[in-house]
PDB file of all heavy atoms in Angstrom:
ATOM      1  N   ARG A   1       8.066  -7.199  -1.441  1.00  0.00           N
ATOM      2  CA  ARG A   1       9.190  -6.812  -2.299  1.00  0.00           C
ATOM      3  C   ARG A   1       8.663  -6.131  -3.551  1.00  0.00           C
ATOM      4  O   ARG A   1       7.657  -6.539  -4.118  1.00  0.00           O
ATOM      5  CB  ARG A   1      10.014  -8.026  -2.741  1.00  0.00           C
ATOM      6  CG  ARG A   1      10.436  -8.958  -1.648  1.00  0.00           C
ATOM      7  CD  ARG A   1      11.695  -8.775  -0.926  1.00  0.00           C
ATOM      8  NE  ARG A   1      12.876  -8.276  -1.534  1.00  0.00           N
ATOM      9  CZ  ARG A   1      13.805  -7.623  -0.831  1.00  0.00           C
ATOM     10  NH1 ARG A   1      13.622  -7.386   0.445  1.00  0.00           N
ATOM     11  NH2 ARG A   1      14.897  -7.209  -1.399  1.00  0.00           N
ATOM     12  N   ASP A   2       9.379  -5.094  -3.992  1.00  0.00           N
ATOM     13  CA  ASP A   2       9.095  -4.375  -5.232  1.00  0.00           C
ATOM     14  C   ASP A   2      10.169  -4.780  -6.232  1.00  0.00           C
ATOM     15  O   ASP A   2      11.358  -4.560  -5.996  1.00  0.00           O
ATOM     16  CB  ASP A   2       9.153  -2.874  -4.969  1.00  0.00           C
ATOM     17  CG  ASP A   2       8.967  -2.030  -6.213  1.00  0.00           C
ATOM     18  OD1 ASP A   2       9.228  -2.512  -7.332  1.00  0.00           O
ATOM     19  OD2 ASP A   2       8.564  -0.872  -6.071  1.00  0.00           O
ATOM     20  N   TYR A   3       9.755  -5.388  -7.354  1.00  0.00           N
ATOM     21  CA  TYR A   3      10.698  -5.895  -8.350  1.00  0.00           C
ATOM     22  C   TYR A   3      10.791  -5.000  -9.587  1.00  0.00           C
ATOM     23  O   TYR A   3      11.328  -5.411 -10.604  1.00  0.00           O
ATOM     24  CB  TYR A   3      10.305  -7.312  -8.768  1.00  0.00           C
ATOM     25  CG  TYR A   3      10.369  -8.288  -7.624  1.00  0.00           C
ATOM     26  CD1 TYR A   3       9.213  -8.671  -6.954  1.00  0.00           C
ATOM     27  CD2 TYR A   3      11.585  -8.802  -7.202  1.00  0.00           C
ATOM     28  CE1 TYR A   3       9.275  -9.554  -5.891  1.00  0.00           C
ATOM     29  CE2 TYR A   3      11.650  -9.687  -6.133  1.00  0.00           C
ATOM     30  CZ  TYR A   3      10.490 -10.058  -5.487  1.00  0.00           C
ATOM     31  OH  TYR A   3      10.548 -10.929  -4.424  1.00  0.00           O
ATOM     32  N   THR A   4      10.294  -3.776  -9.497  1.00  0.00           N
ATOM     33  CA  THR A   4      10.296  -2.916 -10.680  1.00  0.00           C
ATOM     34  C   THR A   4      11.673  -2.351 -11.014  1.00  0.00           C
ATOM     35  O   THR A   4      11.895  -1.923 -12.141  1.00  0.00           O
ATOM     36  CB  THR A   4       9.299  -1.744 -10.521  1.00  0.00           C
ATOM     37  OG1 THR A   4       9.656  -0.978  -9.367  1.00  0.00           O
ATOM     38  CG2 THR A   4       7.877  -2.258 -10.405  1.00  0.00           C
ATOM     39  N   THR A   5      12.585  -2.343 -10.049  1.00  0.00           N
ATOM     40  CA  THR A   5      13.908  -1.773 -10.319  1.00  0.00           C
ATOM     41  C   THR A   5      15.041  -2.792 -10.332  1.00  0.00           C
ATOM     42  O   THR A   5      16.123  -2.489 -10.820  1.00  0.00           O
ATOM     43  CB  THR A   5      14.248  -0.669  -9.292  1.00  0.00           C
ATOM     44  OG1 THR A   5      14.184  -1.233  -7.982  1.00  0.00           O
ATOM     45  CG2 THR A   5      13.273   0.488  -9.406  1.00  0.00           C
ATOM     46  N   SER A   6      14.801  -3.987  -9.772  1.00  0.00           N
ATOM     47  CA  SER A   6      15.851  -5.005  -9.773  1.00  0.00           C
ATOM     48  C   SER A   6      15.251  -6.383  -9.537  1.00  0.00           C
ATOM     49  O   SER A   6      14.143  -6.501  -9.004  1.00  0.00           O
ATOM     50  CB  SER A   6      16.891  -4.723  -8.682  1.00  0.00           C
ATOM     51  OG  SER A   6      16.350  -4.986  -7.403  1.00  0.00           O
ATOM     52  N   GLN A   7      15.980  -7.421  -9.927  1.00  0.00           N
ATOM     53  CA  GLN A   7      15.500  -8.788  -9.705  1.00  0.00           C
ATOM     54  C   GLN A   7      15.471  -9.144  -8.232  1.00  0.00           C
ATOM     55  O   GLN A   7      14.658  -9.958  -7.804  1.00  0.00           O
ATOM     56  CB  GLN A   7      16.371  -9.786 -10.463  1.00  0.00           C
ATOM     57  CG  GLN A   7      16.146  -9.738 -11.951  1.00  0.00           C
ATOM     58  CD  GLN A   7      16.932 -10.829 -12.664  1.00  0.00           C
ATOM     59  OE1 GLN A   7      17.999 -11.240 -12.227  1.00  0.00           O
ATOM     60  NE2 GLN A   7      16.376 -11.302 -13.769  1.00  0.00           N
ATOM     61  N   GLU A   8      16.374  -8.544  -7.440  1.00  0.00           N
ATOM     62  CA  GLU A   8      16.388  -8.824  -6.001  1.00  0.00           C
ATOM     63  C   GLU A   8      15.209  -8.162  -5.309  1.00  0.00           C
ATOM     64  O   GLU A   8      14.731  -8.616  -4.285  1.00  0.00           O
ATOM     65  CB  GLU A   8      17.681  -8.319  -5.349  1.00  0.00           C
ATOM     66  CG  GLU A   8      18.951  -8.954  -5.876  1.00  0.00           C
ATOM     67  CD  GLU A   8      19.424  -8.291  -7.174  1.00  0.00           C
ATOM     68  OE1 GLU A   8      19.269  -7.066  -7.343  1.00  0.00           O
ATOM     69  OE2 GLU A   8      19.933  -9.022  -8.031  1.00  0.00           O
ATOM     70  N   GLY A   9      14.768  -7.043  -5.847  1.00  0.00           N
ATOM     71  CA  GLY A   9      13.639  -6.322  -5.282  1.00  0.00           C
ATOM     72  C   GLY A   9      14.031  -5.447  -4.113  1.00  0.00           C
ATOM     73  O   GLY A   9      15.043  -5.644  -3.461  1.00  0.00           O
ATOM     74  N   SER A  10      13.210  -4.447  -3.878  1.00  0.00           N
ATOM     75  CA  SER A  10      13.365  -3.549  -2.731  1.00  0.00           C
ATOM     76  C   SER A  10      12.320  -3.922  -1.696  1.00  0.00           C
ATOM     77  O   SER A  10      11.203  -4.321  -2.033  1.00  0.00           O
ATOM     78  CB  SER A  10      13.138  -2.093  -3.154  1.00  0.00           C
ATOM     79  OG  SER A  10      14.055  -1.702  -4.130  1.00  0.00           O
ATOM     80  N   GLU A  11      12.663  -3.749  -0.446  1.00  0.00           N
ATOM     81  CA  GLU A  11      11.750  -4.089   0.638  1.00  0.00           C
ATOM     82  C   GLU A  11      10.575  -3.117   0.675  1.00  0.00           C
ATOM     83  O   GLU A  11      10.741  -1.911   0.486  1.00  0.00           O
ATOM     84  CB  GLU A  11      12.496  -4.039   1.973  1.00  0.00           C
ATOM     85  CG  GLU A  11      11.680  -4.510   3.139  1.00  0.00           C
ATOM     86  CD  GLU A  11      12.494  -4.577   4.418  1.00  0.00           C
ATOM     87  OE1 GLU A  11      13.693  -4.880   4.353  1.00  0.00           O
ATOM     88  OE2 GLU A  11      11.902  -4.315   5.469  1.00  0.00           O
ATOM     89  N   ILE A  12       9.389  -3.657   0.928  1.00  0.00           N
ATOM     90  CA  ILE A  12       8.174  -2.861   1.092  1.00  0.00           C
ATOM     91  C   ILE A  12       7.637  -3.102   2.499  1.00  0.00           C
ATOM     92  O   ILE A  12       7.607  -4.237   2.979  1.00  0.00           O
ATOM     93  CB  ILE A  12       7.073  -3.279   0.091  1.00  0.00           C
ATOM     94  CG1 ILE A  12       7.533  -3.082  -1.343  1.00  0.00           C
ATOM     95  CG2 ILE A  12       5.783  -2.492   0.351  1.00  0.00           C
ATOM     96  CD1 ILE A  12       6.554  -3.634  -2.373  1.00  0.00           C
ATOM     97  N   SER A  13       7.211  -2.027   3.161  1.00  0.00           N
ATOM     98  CA  SER A  13       6.513  -2.166   4.438  1.00  0.00           C
ATOM     99  C   SER A  13       5.507  -1.029   4.536  1.00  0.00           C
ATOM    100  O   SER A  13       5.703   0.039   3.962  1.00  0.00           O
ATOM    101  CB  SER A  13       7.488  -2.114   5.618  1.00  0.00           C
ATOM    102  OG  SER A  13       8.127  -0.854   5.668  1.00  0.00           O
ATOM    103  N   GLY A  14       4.418  -1.286   5.236  1.00  0.00           N
ATOM    104  CA  GLY A  14       3.429  -0.228   5.377  1.00  0.00           C
ATOM    105  C   GLY A  14       2.117  -0.713   5.924  1.00  0.00           C
ATOM    106  O   GLY A  14       2.031  -1.785   6.529  1.00  0.00           O
ATOM    107  N   GLU A  15       1.090   0.095   5.678  1.00  0.00           N
ATOM    108  CA  GLU A  15      -0.234  -0.184   6.195  1.00  0.00           C
ATOM    109  C   GLU A  15      -1.277   0.115   5.118  1.00  0.00           C
ATOM    110  O   GLU A  15      -1.118   1.028   4.316  1.00  0.00           O
ATOM    111  CB  GLU A  15      -0.505   0.705   7.414  1.00  0.00           C
ATOM    112  CG  GLU A  15      -1.851   0.482   8.037  1.00  0.00           C
ATOM    113  CD  GLU A  15      -2.111   1.388   9.234  1.00  0.00           C
ATOM    114  OE1 GLU A  15      -1.686   2.551   9.223  1.00  0.00           O
ATOM    115  OE2 GLU A  15      -2.757   0.903  10.174  1.00  0.00           O
ATOM    116  N   GLU A  16      -2.345  -0.678   5.121  1.00  0.00           N
ATOM    117  CA  GLU A  16      -3.509  -0.445   4.282  1.00  0.00           C
ATOM    118  C   GLU A  16      -4.728  -0.455   5.194  1.00  0.00           C
ATOM    119  O   GLU A  16      -4.808  -1.278   6.105  1.00  0.00           O
ATOM    120  CB  GLU A  16      -3.682  -1.553   3.237  1.00  0.00           C
ATOM    121  CG  GLU A  16      -2.563  -1.637   2.251  1.00  0.00           C
ATOM    122  CD  GLU A  16      -2.816  -2.692   1.166  1.00  0.00           C
ATOM    123  OE1 GLU A  16      -3.935  -3.232   1.072  1.00  0.00           O
ATOM    124  OE2 GLU A  16      -1.866  -2.960   0.423  1.00  0.00           O
ATOM    125  N   VAL A  17      -5.667   0.452   4.950  1.00  0.00           N
ATOM    126  CA  VAL A  17      -6.894   0.515   5.732  1.00  0.00           C
ATOM    127  C   VAL A  17      -8.070   0.527   4.765  1.00  0.00           C
ATOM    128  O   VAL A  17      -8.090   1.309   3.809  1.00  0.00           O
ATOM    129  CB  VAL A  17      -6.945   1.770   6.634  1.00  0.00           C
ATOM    130  CG1 VAL A  17      -8.263   1.844   7.387  1.00  0.00           C
ATOM    131  CG2 VAL A  17      -5.768   1.784   7.601  1.00  0.00           C
ATOM    132  N   TYR A  18      -9.031  -0.353   5.017  1.00  0.00           N
ATOM    133  CA  TYR A  18     -10.262  -0.437   4.231  1.00  0.00           C
ATOM    134  C   TYR A  18     -11.430  -0.232   5.187  1.00  0.00           C
ATOM    135  O   TYR A  18     -11.516  -0.895   6.218  1.00  0.00           O
ATOM    136  CB  TYR A  18     -10.421  -1.817   3.587  1.00  0.00           C
ATOM    137  CG  TYR A  18      -9.362  -2.160   2.579  1.00  0.00           C
ATOM    138  CD1 TYR A  18      -8.127  -2.665   2.973  1.00  0.00           C
ATOM    139  CD2 TYR A  18      -9.607  -1.999   1.216  1.00  0.00           C
ATOM    140  CE1 TYR A  18      -7.152  -2.995   2.036  1.00  0.00           C
ATOM    141  CE2 TYR A  18      -8.643  -2.333   0.274  1.00  0.00           C
ATOM    142  CZ  TYR A  18      -7.420  -2.822   0.699  1.00  0.00           C
ATOM    143  OH  TYR A  18      -6.467  -3.146  -0.235  1.00  0.00           O
ATOM    144  N   GLU A  19     -12.335   0.702   4.832  1.00  0.00           N
ATOM    145  CA  GLU A  19     -13.519   0.923   5.653  1.00  0.00           C
ATOM    146  C   GLU A  19     -14.688   1.327   4.770  1.00  0.00           C
ATOM    147  O   GLU A  19     -14.498   1.885   3.686  1.00  0.00           O
ATOM    148  CB  GLU A  19     -13.259   1.953   6.749  1.00  0.00           C
ATOM    149  CG  GLU A  19     -12.704   3.263   6.271  1.00  0.00           C
ATOM    150  CD  GLU A  19     -12.192   4.129   7.418  1.00  0.00           C
ATOM    151  OE1 GLU A  19     -12.436   3.814   8.589  1.00  0.00           O
ATOM    152  OE2 GLU A  19     -11.539   5.134   7.124  1.00  0.00           O
ATOM    153  N   TRP A  20     -15.884   1.019   5.252  1.00  0.00           N
ATOM    154  CA  TRP A  20     -17.091   1.341   4.499  1.00  0.00           C
ATOM    155  C   TRP A  20     -17.297   2.842   4.461  1.00  0.00           C
ATOM    156  O   TRP A  20     -17.117   3.526   5.469  1.00  0.00           O
ATOM    157  CB  TRP A  20     -18.317   0.685   5.126  1.00  0.00           C
ATOM    158  CG  TRP A  20     -18.305  -0.807   5.081  1.00  0.00           C
ATOM    159  CD1 TRP A  20     -18.143  -1.654   6.141  1.00  0.00           C
ATOM    160  CD2 TRP A  20     -18.460  -1.639   3.929  1.00  0.00           C
ATOM    161  NE1 TRP A  20     -18.187  -2.962   5.715  1.00  0.00           N
ATOM    162  CE2 TRP A  20     -18.378  -2.978   4.356  1.00  0.00           C
ATOM    163  CE3 TRP A  20     -18.651  -1.385   2.573  1.00  0.00           C
ATOM    164  CZ2 TRP A  20     -18.491  -4.052   3.491  1.00  0.00           C
ATOM    165  CZ3 TRP A  20     -18.761  -2.455   1.702  1.00  0.00           C
ATOM    166  CH2 TRP A  20     -18.688  -3.765   2.159  1.00  0.00           C
ATOM    167  N   LEU A  21     -17.678   3.361   3.317  1.00  0.00           N
ATOM    168  CA  LEU A  21     -18.127   4.744   3.220  1.00  0.00           C
ATOM    169  C   LEU A  21     -19.495   4.782   3.888  1.00  0.00           C
ATOM    170  O   LEU A  21     -20.391   4.018   3.499  1.00  0.00           O
ATOM    171  CB  LEU A  21     -18.218   5.166   1.756  1.00  0.00           C
ATOM    172  CG  LEU A  21     -18.600   6.612   1.478  1.00  0.00           C
ATOM    173  CD1 LEU A  21     -17.514   7.553   2.012  1.00  0.00           C
ATOM    174  CD2 LEU A  21     -18.777   6.831  -0.014  1.00  0.00           C
ATOM    175  N   PRO A  22     -19.672   5.622   4.930  1.00  0.00           N
ATOM    176  CA  PRO A  22     -20.930   5.600   5.682  1.00  0.00           C
ATOM    177  C   PRO A  22     -22.165   5.715   4.778  1.00  0.00           C
ATOM    178  O   PRO A  22     -22.222   6.552   3.876  1.00  0.00           O
ATOM    179  CB  PRO A  22     -20.818   6.822   6.598  1.00  0.00           C
ATOM    180  CG  PRO A  22     -19.337   6.983   6.798  1.00  0.00           C
ATOM    181  CD  PRO A  22     -18.741   6.616   5.454  1.00  0.00           C
ATOM    182  N   GLY A  23     -23.112   4.802   5.019  1.00  0.00           N
ATOM    183  CA  GLY A  23     -24.373   4.819   4.302  1.00  0.00           C
ATOM    184  C   GLY A  23     -24.328   4.281   2.888  1.00  0.00           C
ATOM    185  O   GLY A  23     -25.253   4.492   2.111  1.00  0.00           O
ATOM    186  N   SER A  24     -23.246   3.586   2.546  1.00  0.00           N
ATOM    187  CA  SER A  24     -23.148   3.088   1.166  1.00  0.00           C
ATOM    188  C   SER A  24     -22.452   1.730   1.133  1.00  0.00           C
ATOM    189  O   SER A  24     -21.807   1.333   2.093  1.00  0.00           O
ATOM    190  CB  SER A  24     -22.373   4.082   0.299  1.00  0.00           C
ATOM    191  OG  SER A  24     -20.986   3.933   0.495  1.00  0.00           O
ATOM    192  N   PRO A  25     -22.558   1.034  -0.001  1.00  0.00           N
ATOM    193  CA  PRO A  25     -21.862  -0.250  -0.166  1.00  0.00           C
ATOM    194  C   PRO A  25     -20.467  -0.070  -0.768  1.00  0.00           C
ATOM    195  O   PRO A  25     -19.953  -0.941  -1.444  1.00  0.00           O
ATOM    196  CB  PRO A  25     -22.786  -1.000  -1.128  1.00  0.00           C
ATOM    197  CG  PRO A  25     -23.317   0.077  -2.010  1.00  0.00           C
ATOM    198  CD  PRO A  25     -23.501   1.275  -1.102  1.00  0.00           C
ATOM    199  N   LEU A  26     -19.861   1.094  -0.547  1.00  0.00           N
ATOM    200  CA  LEU A  26     -18.541   1.390  -1.105  1.00  0.00           C
ATOM    201  C   LEU A  26     -17.472   1.298  -0.034  1.00  0.00           C
ATOM    202  O   LEU A  26     -17.682   1.696   1.117  1.00  0.00           O
ATOM    203  CB  LEU A  26     -18.526   2.802  -1.697  1.00  0.00           C
ATOM    204  CG  LEU A  26     -19.530   3.081  -2.804  1.00  0.00           C
ATOM    205  CD1 LEU A  26     -19.510   4.562  -3.155  1.00  0.00           C
ATOM    206  CD2 LEU A  26     -19.235   2.234  -4.025  1.00  0.00           C
ATOM    207  N   LEU A  27     -16.312   0.789  -0.422  1.00  0.00           N
ATOM    208  CA  LEU A  27     -15.156   0.752   0.471  1.00  0.00           C
ATOM    209  C   LEU A  27     -14.203   1.877   0.100  1.00  0.00           C
ATOM    210  O   LEU A  27     -13.909   2.086  -1.085  1.00  0.00           O
ATOM    211  CB  LEU A  27     -14.390  -0.557   0.308  1.00  0.00           C
ATOM    212  CG  LEU A  27     -14.846  -1.772   1.066  1.00  0.00           C
ATOM    213  CD1 LEU A  27     -13.870  -2.927   0.830  1.00  0.00           C
ATOM    214  CD2 LEU A  27     -14.967  -1.497   2.543  1.00  0.00           C
ATOM    215  N   VAL A  28     -13.721   2.564   1.109  1.00  0.00           N
ATOM    216  CA  VAL A  28     -12.654   3.538   0.929  1.00  0.00           C
ATOM    217  C   VAL A  28     -11.388   2.862   1.426  1.00  0.00           C
ATOM    218  O   VAL A  28     -11.382   2.260   2.492  1.00  0.00           O
ATOM    219  CB  VAL A  28     -12.916   4.819   1.747  1.00  0.00           C
ATOM    220  CG1 VAL A  28     -11.757   5.797   1.623  1.00  0.00           C
ATOM    221  CG2 VAL A  28     -14.213   5.471   1.314  1.00  0.00           C
ATOM    222  N   ASN A  29     -10.334   2.904   0.618  1.00  0.00           N
ATOM    223  CA  ASN A  29      -9.072   2.349   1.109  1.00  0.00           C
ATOM    224  C   ASN A  29      -7.975   3.395   0.998  1.00  0.00           C
ATOM    225  O   ASN A  29      -7.949   4.223   0.096  1.00  0.00           O
ATOM    226  CB  ASN A  29      -8.700   1.041   0.401  1.00  0.00           C
ATOM    227  CG  ASN A  29      -8.359   1.213  -1.057  1.00  0.00           C
ATOM    228  OD1 ASN A  29      -9.091   1.817  -1.808  1.00  0.00           O
ATOM    229  ND2 ASN A  29      -7.250   0.648  -1.468  1.00  0.00           N
ATOM    230  N   ASN A  30      -7.119   3.375   2.009  1.00  0.00           N
ATOM    231  CA  ASN A  30      -5.954   4.254   2.079  1.00  0.00           C
ATOM    232  C   ASN A  30      -4.745   3.388   2.328  1.00  0.00           C
ATOM    233  O   ASN A  30      -4.828   2.382   3.029  1.00  0.00           O
ATOM    234  CB  ASN A  30      -6.094   5.248   3.241  1.00  0.00           C
ATOM    235  CG  ASN A  30      -7.212   6.219   3.019  1.00  0.00           C
ATOM    236  OD1 ASN A  30      -7.079   7.173   2.275  1.00  0.00           O
ATOM    237  ND2 ASN A  30      -8.349   5.961   3.660  1.00  0.00           N
ATOM    238  N   TRP A  31      -3.621   3.777   1.758  1.00  0.00           N
ATOM    239  CA  TRP A  31      -2.403   3.029   2.012  1.00  0.00           C
ATOM    240  C   TRP A  31      -1.220   3.967   2.123  1.00  0.00           C
ATOM    241  O   TRP A  31      -1.198   5.053   1.549  1.00  0.00           O
ATOM    242  CB  TRP A  31      -2.145   1.971   0.942  1.00  0.00           C
ATOM    243  CG  TRP A  31      -1.948   2.511  -0.444  1.00  0.00           C
ATOM    244  CD1 TRP A  31      -0.767   2.889  -1.031  1.00  0.00           C
ATOM    245  CD2 TRP A  31      -2.958   2.743  -1.419  1.00  0.00           C
ATOM    246  NE1 TRP A  31      -0.986   3.341  -2.312  1.00  0.00           N
ATOM    247  CE2 TRP A  31      -2.337   3.253  -2.576  1.00  0.00           C
ATOM    248  CE3 TRP A  31      -4.336   2.570  -1.441  1.00  0.00           C
ATOM    249  CZ2 TRP A  31      -3.032   3.588  -3.723  1.00  0.00           C
ATOM    250  CZ3 TRP A  31      -5.030   2.903  -2.588  1.00  0.00           C
ATOM    251  CH2 TRP A  31      -4.377   3.404  -3.705  1.00  0.00           C
ATOM    252  N   CYS A  32      -0.281   3.535   2.907  1.00  0.00           N
ATOM    253  CA  CYS A  32       1.006   4.211   3.037  1.00  0.00           C
ATOM    254  C   CYS A  32       2.051   3.110   3.127  1.00  0.00           C
ATOM    255  O   CYS A  32       2.025   2.299   4.043  1.00  0.00           O
ATOM    256  CB  CYS A  32       1.053   5.100   4.266  1.00  0.00           C
ATOM    257  SG  CYS A  32       2.643   5.952   4.420  1.00  0.00           S
ATOM    258  N   ARG A  33       2.914   3.074   2.135  1.00  0.00           N
ATOM    259  CA  ARG A  33       3.961   2.053   2.085  1.00  0.00           C
ATOM    260  C   ARG A  33       5.298   2.737   1.869  1.00  0.00           C
ATOM    261  O   ARG A  33       5.376   3.786   1.229  1.00  0.00           O
ATOM    262  CB  ARG A  33       3.723   1.093   0.922  1.00  0.00           C
ATOM    263  CG  ARG A  33       2.450   0.336   0.992  1.00  0.00           C
ATOM    264  CD  ARG A  33       2.358  -0.657  -0.159  1.00  0.00           C
ATOM    265  NE  ARG A  33       0.996  -1.121  -0.290  1.00  0.00           N
ATOM    266  CZ  ARG A  33       0.226  -0.910  -1.339  1.00  0.00           C
ATOM    267  NH1 ARG A  33       0.695  -0.278  -2.393  1.00  0.00           N
ATOM    268  NH2 ARG A  33      -1.001  -1.351  -1.358  1.00  0.00           N
ATOM    269  N   TYR A  34       6.317   2.078   2.359  1.00  0.00           N
ATOM    270  CA  TYR A  34       7.677   2.506   2.068  1.00  0.00           C
ATOM    271  C   TYR A  34       8.309   1.449   1.180  1.00  0.00           C
ATOM    272  O   TYR A  34       8.298   0.267   1.502  1.00  0.00           O
ATOM    273  CB  TYR A  34       8.478   2.705   3.348  1.00  0.00           C
ATOM    274  CG  TYR A  34       8.037   3.955   4.070  1.00  0.00           C
ATOM    275  CD1 TYR A  34       6.971   3.929   4.963  1.00  0.00           C
ATOM    276  CD2 TYR A  34       8.656   5.178   3.796  1.00  0.00           C
ATOM    277  CE1 TYR A  34       6.537   5.079   5.581  1.00  0.00           C
ATOM    278  CE2 TYR A  34       8.221   6.334   4.416  1.00  0.00           C
ATOM    279  CZ  TYR A  34       7.164   6.277   5.312  1.00  0.00           C
ATOM    280  OH  TYR A  34       6.724   7.430   5.919  1.00  0.00           O
ATOM    281  N   VAL A  35       8.799   1.895   0.048  1.00  0.00           N
ATOM    282  CA  VAL A  35       9.542   1.033  -0.870  1.00  0.00           C
ATOM    283  C   VAL A  35      10.985   1.478  -0.714  1.00  0.00           C
ATOM    284  O   VAL A  35      11.366   2.549  -1.188  1.00  0.00           O
ATOM    285  CB  VAL A  35       9.057   1.193  -2.319  1.00  0.00           C
ATOM    286  CG1 VAL A  35       9.848   0.284  -3.243  1.00  0.00           C
ATOM    287  CG2 VAL A  35       7.561   0.908  -2.423  1.00  0.00           C
ATOM    288  N   GLY A  36      11.759   0.650   0.013  1.00  0.00           N
ATOM    289  CA  GLY A  36      13.055   1.146   0.452  1.00  0.00           C
ATOM    290  C   GLY A  36      12.766   2.317   1.382  1.00  0.00           C
ATOM    291  O   GLY A  36      12.019   2.186   2.341  1.00  0.00           O
ATOM    292  N   GLU A  37      13.291   3.501   1.052  1.00  0.00           N
ATOM    293  CA  GLU A  37      13.023   4.688   1.865  1.00  0.00           C
ATOM    294  C   GLU A  37      12.011   5.626   1.213  1.00  0.00           C
ATOM    295  O   GLU A  37      11.655   6.652   1.787  1.00  0.00           O
ATOM    296  CB  GLU A  37      14.330   5.414   2.155  1.00  0.00           C
ATOM    297  CG  GLU A  37      15.252   4.585   3.028  1.00  0.00           C
ATOM    298  CD  GLU A  37      16.469   5.354   3.471  1.00  0.00           C
ATOM    299  OE1 GLU A  37      16.424   6.595   3.517  1.00  0.00           O
ATOM    300  OE2 GLU A  37      17.470   4.697   3.786  1.00  0.00           O
ATOM    301  N   ALA A  38      11.549   5.284   0.026  1.00  0.00           N
ATOM    302  CA  ALA A  38      10.589   6.134  -0.689  1.00  0.00           C
ATOM    303  C   ALA A  38       9.169   5.865  -0.201  1.00  0.00           C
ATOM    304  O   ALA A  38       8.745   4.715  -0.106  1.00  0.00           O
ATOM    305  CB  ALA A  38      10.678   5.875  -2.187  1.00  0.00           C
ATOM    306  N   ARG A  39       8.457   6.930   0.104  1.00  0.00           N
ATOM    307  CA  ARG A  39       7.079   6.805   0.589  1.00  0.00           C
ATOM    308  C   ARG A  39       6.121   6.775  -0.597  1.00  0.00           C
ATOM    309  O   ARG A  39       6.176   7.622  -1.471  1.00  0.00           O
ATOM    310  CB  ARG A  39       6.740   7.992   1.481  1.00  0.00           C
ATOM    311  CG  ARG A  39       5.359   7.901   2.074  1.00  0.00           C
ATOM    312  CD  ARG A  39       5.162   8.987   3.117  1.00  0.00           C
ATOM    313  NE  ARG A  39       3.942   8.726   3.857  1.00  0.00           N
ATOM    314  CZ  ARG A  39       2.930   9.563   3.911  1.00  0.00           C
ATOM    315  NH1 ARG A  39       2.987  10.730   3.308  1.00  0.00           N
ATOM    316  NH2 ARG A  39       1.856   9.261   4.604  1.00  0.00           N
TER     317      ARG A  39
END
């Protein structure tokens, strides 16, 4: 839930991906979420 616009909150759904940057100790993360219908 996203509570930035109302106390009831808007529904959030999506995906997050975390993977190692090849040859390093760094993680690259990408996310795509829908807050209500907003991407």
